[in-house]
Protein backbone atom coordinates (compact mmCIF):
# COMPACT_ATOMS: atom_id res chain seq x y z
CA MET A 1 100.99 25.30 189.70
CA LYS A 2 99.08 22.43 188.14
CA LEU A 3 96.69 24.92 186.46
CA LEU A 4 99.60 26.89 185.01
CA ALA A 5 101.24 23.67 183.82
CA CYS A 6 98.04 22.77 181.89
CA ALA A 7 97.65 26.23 180.36
CA CYS A 8 101.14 26.42 178.92
CA PRO A 9 100.64 23.68 176.27
CA LEU A 10 97.30 25.31 175.25
CA LEU A 11 98.93 28.71 174.83
CA ALA A 12 101.74 27.14 172.85
CA ALA A 13 99.19 25.48 170.49
CA LEU A 14 97.36 28.76 169.97
CA ALA A 15 100.59 30.55 169.20
CA ALA A 16 101.41 27.95 166.53
CA LEU A 17 98.18 28.65 164.59
CA PRO A 18 98.62 30.90 161.44
CA ALA A 19 97.61 34.46 161.85
CA VAL A 20 94.21 35.36 160.36
CA ALA A 21 94.56 37.89 157.54
CA GLN A 22 92.80 41.09 158.26
CA VAL A 23 90.43 42.36 155.58
CA ALA A 24 91.42 45.79 154.49
CA PRO A 25 88.58 48.29 154.56
CA PRO A 26 87.36 49.62 151.18
CA PRO A 27 89.14 52.70 149.97
CA ALA A 28 87.56 55.90 151.05
CA ALA A 29 85.66 57.98 148.55
CA GLY A 30 87.95 60.10 146.42
CA SER A 31 91.01 57.87 146.86
CA ASP A 32 93.16 56.73 143.91
CA GLN A 33 91.95 53.75 141.87
CA VAL A 34 93.72 50.57 142.88
CA ILE A 35 93.81 48.96 139.38
CA VAL A 36 94.14 51.14 136.26
CA PRO A 37 93.08 49.29 133.04
CA GLN A 38 95.66 49.57 130.28
CA VAL A 39 93.25 49.56 127.27
CA GLU A 40 94.10 51.58 124.17
CA ARG A 41 91.07 53.12 122.52
CA ARG A 42 90.90 52.56 118.78
CA GLU A 43 89.11 54.67 116.19
CA VAL A 44 86.16 52.91 114.58
CA HIS A 45 85.27 53.79 110.99
CA LYS A 46 81.61 53.34 110.17
CA PRO A 47 81.04 51.34 106.95
CA HIS A 48 79.49 53.14 104.00
CA TYR A 49 76.62 51.35 102.31
CA GLY A 50 75.61 52.48 98.85
CA SER A 51 72.01 53.63 98.54
CA ASN A 52 71.53 52.28 94.99
CA ASP A 53 68.70 54.76 94.45
CA PHE A 54 69.37 55.25 90.72
CA SER A 55 68.78 52.71 87.99
CA LEU A 56 69.68 52.45 84.32
CA SER A 57 67.76 50.03 82.07
CA LEU A 58 68.36 48.76 78.56
CA PHE A 59 65.14 47.30 77.17
CA ALA A 60 63.85 45.65 74.02
CA GLY A 61 60.49 44.24 73.04
CA SER A 62 57.51 44.59 70.76
CA TYR A 63 55.45 47.71 70.05
CA GLN A 64 51.95 47.24 68.61
CA ALA A 65 50.96 50.45 66.80
CA GLN A 66 47.21 50.55 66.21
CA ASN A 67 46.51 50.34 62.45
CA PHE A 68 50.23 50.18 61.65
CA GLY A 69 51.35 46.73 62.69
CA SER A 70 53.76 45.38 65.25
CA SER A 71 57.53 45.73 65.26
CA GLY A 72 60.52 45.58 67.54
CA VAL A 73 61.29 48.44 69.93
CA THR A 74 64.49 49.32 71.78
CA GLY A 75 65.15 52.00 74.34
CA LEU A 76 66.74 53.32 77.47
CA ARG A 77 65.29 54.11 80.91
CA LEU A 78 66.69 56.11 83.81
CA GLY A 79 65.01 55.72 87.19
CA TYR A 80 65.18 57.11 90.70
CA HIS A 81 63.73 55.31 93.72
CA VAL A 82 62.23 57.90 96.06
CA THR A 83 61.37 55.36 98.75
CA GLU A 84 61.39 51.59 99.03
CA ASP A 85 58.06 51.40 97.16
CA VAL A 86 57.84 54.62 95.11
CA PHE A 87 59.97 55.40 92.06
CA VAL A 88 60.01 57.59 88.96
CA GLU A 89 61.36 56.62 85.57
CA ALA A 90 62.11 58.40 82.29
CA SER A 91 62.16 56.47 79.01
CA VAL A 92 63.21 57.12 75.45
CA ALA A 93 62.71 54.59 72.63
CA ARG A 94 62.10 54.12 68.94
CA THR A 95 60.52 51.61 66.60
CA ARG A 96 59.43 51.28 62.95
CA VAL A 97 55.83 51.24 61.70
CA ASN A 98 54.32 50.74 58.25
CA ASP A 99 51.07 51.52 56.45
CA ASN A 100 50.90 48.35 54.34
CA SER A 101 47.29 47.70 55.37
CA PHE A 102 46.25 51.13 54.02
CA ARG A 103 48.21 50.77 50.78
CA GLN A 104 46.04 47.82 49.86
CA ILE A 105 43.06 50.19 49.80
CA LEU A 106 44.44 53.70 49.27
CA PRO A 107 46.92 54.33 46.46
CA GLY A 108 50.03 55.81 48.00
CA GLY A 109 48.99 54.92 51.56
CA VAL A 110 49.01 57.44 54.41
CA PHE A 111 52.77 57.72 54.95
CA PRO A 112 55.19 59.44 52.58
CA THR A 113 57.08 56.13 52.48
CA PRO A 114 55.81 52.65 53.43
CA THR A 115 57.92 52.55 56.62
CA GLN A 116 58.31 55.34 59.14
CA THR A 117 60.19 55.78 62.41
CA LEU A 118 58.11 56.18 65.55
CA SER A 119 59.90 57.55 68.61
CA TYR A 120 58.71 58.52 72.06
CA TYR A 121 59.81 59.76 75.44
CA ASP A 122 57.86 59.70 78.69
CA VAL A 123 58.09 60.05 82.46
CA VAL A 124 56.17 57.65 84.69
CA ALA A 125 55.69 57.14 88.42
CA GLY A 126 55.61 53.62 89.82
CA TYR A 127 54.47 51.98 93.01
CA ASN A 128 55.37 48.50 94.25
CA VAL A 129 52.17 46.64 95.07
CA LEU A 130 53.57 43.13 95.46
CA SER A 131 56.75 41.93 97.13
CA GLY A 132 57.93 38.41 97.74
CA GLU A 133 60.37 35.80 96.51
CA ALA A 134 60.73 33.93 93.23
CA PHE A 135 62.12 30.41 93.61
CA PHE A 136 64.45 28.82 91.07
CA GLY A 137 64.75 25.21 92.09
CA ARG A 138 64.90 24.14 95.74
CA ASN A 139 67.85 26.18 96.97
CA THR A 140 67.69 29.46 95.06
CA ALA A 141 65.31 32.32 95.88
CA LYS A 142 65.37 35.87 94.53
CA VAL A 143 63.47 38.98 95.58
CA PHE A 144 60.38 39.50 93.42
CA GLN A 145 58.36 42.72 93.03
CA GLY A 146 55.26 43.71 91.08
CA TYR A 147 54.46 47.36 90.38
CA LEU A 148 51.98 49.70 88.68
CA LEU A 149 52.92 52.55 86.34
CA ALA A 150 51.30 55.79 85.16
CA GLY A 151 52.69 58.85 83.42
CA VAL A 152 52.76 61.18 80.42
CA GLY A 153 55.00 61.67 77.44
CA ASN A 154 55.24 62.53 73.77
CA THR A 155 55.14 60.37 70.64
CA THR A 156 56.55 61.51 67.28
CA LEU A 157 55.27 59.96 64.04
CA VAL A 158 55.58 61.43 60.53
CA GLN A 159 57.01 64.64 62.03
CA GLN A 160 53.90 65.07 64.19
CA LYS A 161 54.11 65.14 67.97
CA HIS A 162 51.30 63.60 69.99
CA GLN A 163 50.77 63.99 73.72
CA THR A 164 50.76 60.50 75.21
CA ILE A 165 49.34 58.91 78.34
CA VAL A 166 51.17 55.83 79.61
CA LEU A 167 49.64 53.15 81.84
CA GLY A 168 50.99 49.74 82.71
CA PHE A 169 52.41 47.26 85.15
CA GLY A 170 55.54 45.20 85.47
CA VAL A 171 57.51 42.69 87.50
CA ARG A 172 61.16 42.61 88.50
CA VAL A 173 63.46 39.91 89.86
CA VAL A 174 66.51 41.06 91.83
CA LEU A 175 69.43 38.93 90.62
CA THR A 176 72.15 40.68 92.66
CA ASP A 177 72.48 43.88 94.68
CA HIS A 178 73.11 45.81 91.47
CA VAL A 179 71.47 43.81 88.65
CA VAL A 180 67.72 43.36 88.13
CA LEU A 181 65.72 41.65 85.39
CA GLN A 182 62.29 43.15 84.71
CA THR A 183 59.38 42.82 82.28
CA ASP A 184 56.86 45.55 81.52
CA LEU A 185 53.51 45.80 79.77
CA ARG A 186 52.72 49.43 78.92
CA GLU A 187 49.91 51.04 76.97
CA HIS A 188 50.65 54.26 75.05
CA MET A 189 47.48 56.22 74.35
CA TYR A 190 47.45 59.19 71.97
CA SER A 191 45.39 60.71 69.16
CA LEU A 192 46.29 60.57 65.44
CA ASP A 193 45.05 62.74 62.59
CA LEU A 194 46.50 61.13 59.49
CA LEU A 195 43.32 60.66 57.47
CA GLY A 196 41.64 63.98 58.18
CA GLN A 197 39.86 62.62 61.24
CA ARG A 198 41.28 62.56 64.77
CA GLN A 199 41.26 59.10 66.28
CA SER A 200 42.32 57.95 69.74
CA THR A 201 44.72 55.00 69.56
CA ARG A 202 45.90 52.45 72.07
CA ASN A 203 49.35 51.04 71.45
CA PRO A 204 50.55 48.27 73.79
CA GLU A 205 54.22 47.56 74.35
CA VAL A 206 55.78 44.46 75.89
CA SER A 207 59.44 44.66 76.84
CA ALA A 208 62.14 42.99 78.88
CA ALA A 209 64.92 45.02 80.50
CA LEU A 210 68.25 44.47 82.15
CA THR A 211 68.53 47.09 84.90
CA PHE A 212 71.64 48.23 86.75
CA TYR A 213 71.37 49.96 90.15
CA PHE A 214 73.96 52.43 91.37
């Protein structure tokens, strides 16, 4: 009786303890998902970035015609960038030349009139050989590129057309994504036959251009 009297308070204390929660077993394979996420899928539109492979340049500078002096030249260029470093470019331009130096020796000179229009068109291929940055002050830097040029064209002077070889180099500074400032030095080489003797001439041109990419 004494043993039973001692066990009763112990049983009563155990009965007062909170029941231990049973851990539910994981759901069997193939059962329904317990939590279903309520997430609405949205359609994502990929942004379109312009390639800016084409360029249009307005240029002006100085054209030094061998034996016929130096004068201003203006023209237009249309380019296409095949890769990041390779591009092609077509140019058309005109300038004025004179035969004043010949008129001091030959009566009547070599031109029908003292001043004649010289025009040309050409197609060149270019390759970027130098890339870096040009710094303007401490906090401004612009992309800088140097390139080489070579191509062929045609020069018209006194109603005569002359096959022309063009060689040169240039540099460009990228001002914005669509506007570039560039400077070119190009040599136009062709033969002239104005005095009864064919002569190879070298005619350098220095120009600055404002180029728009699109």
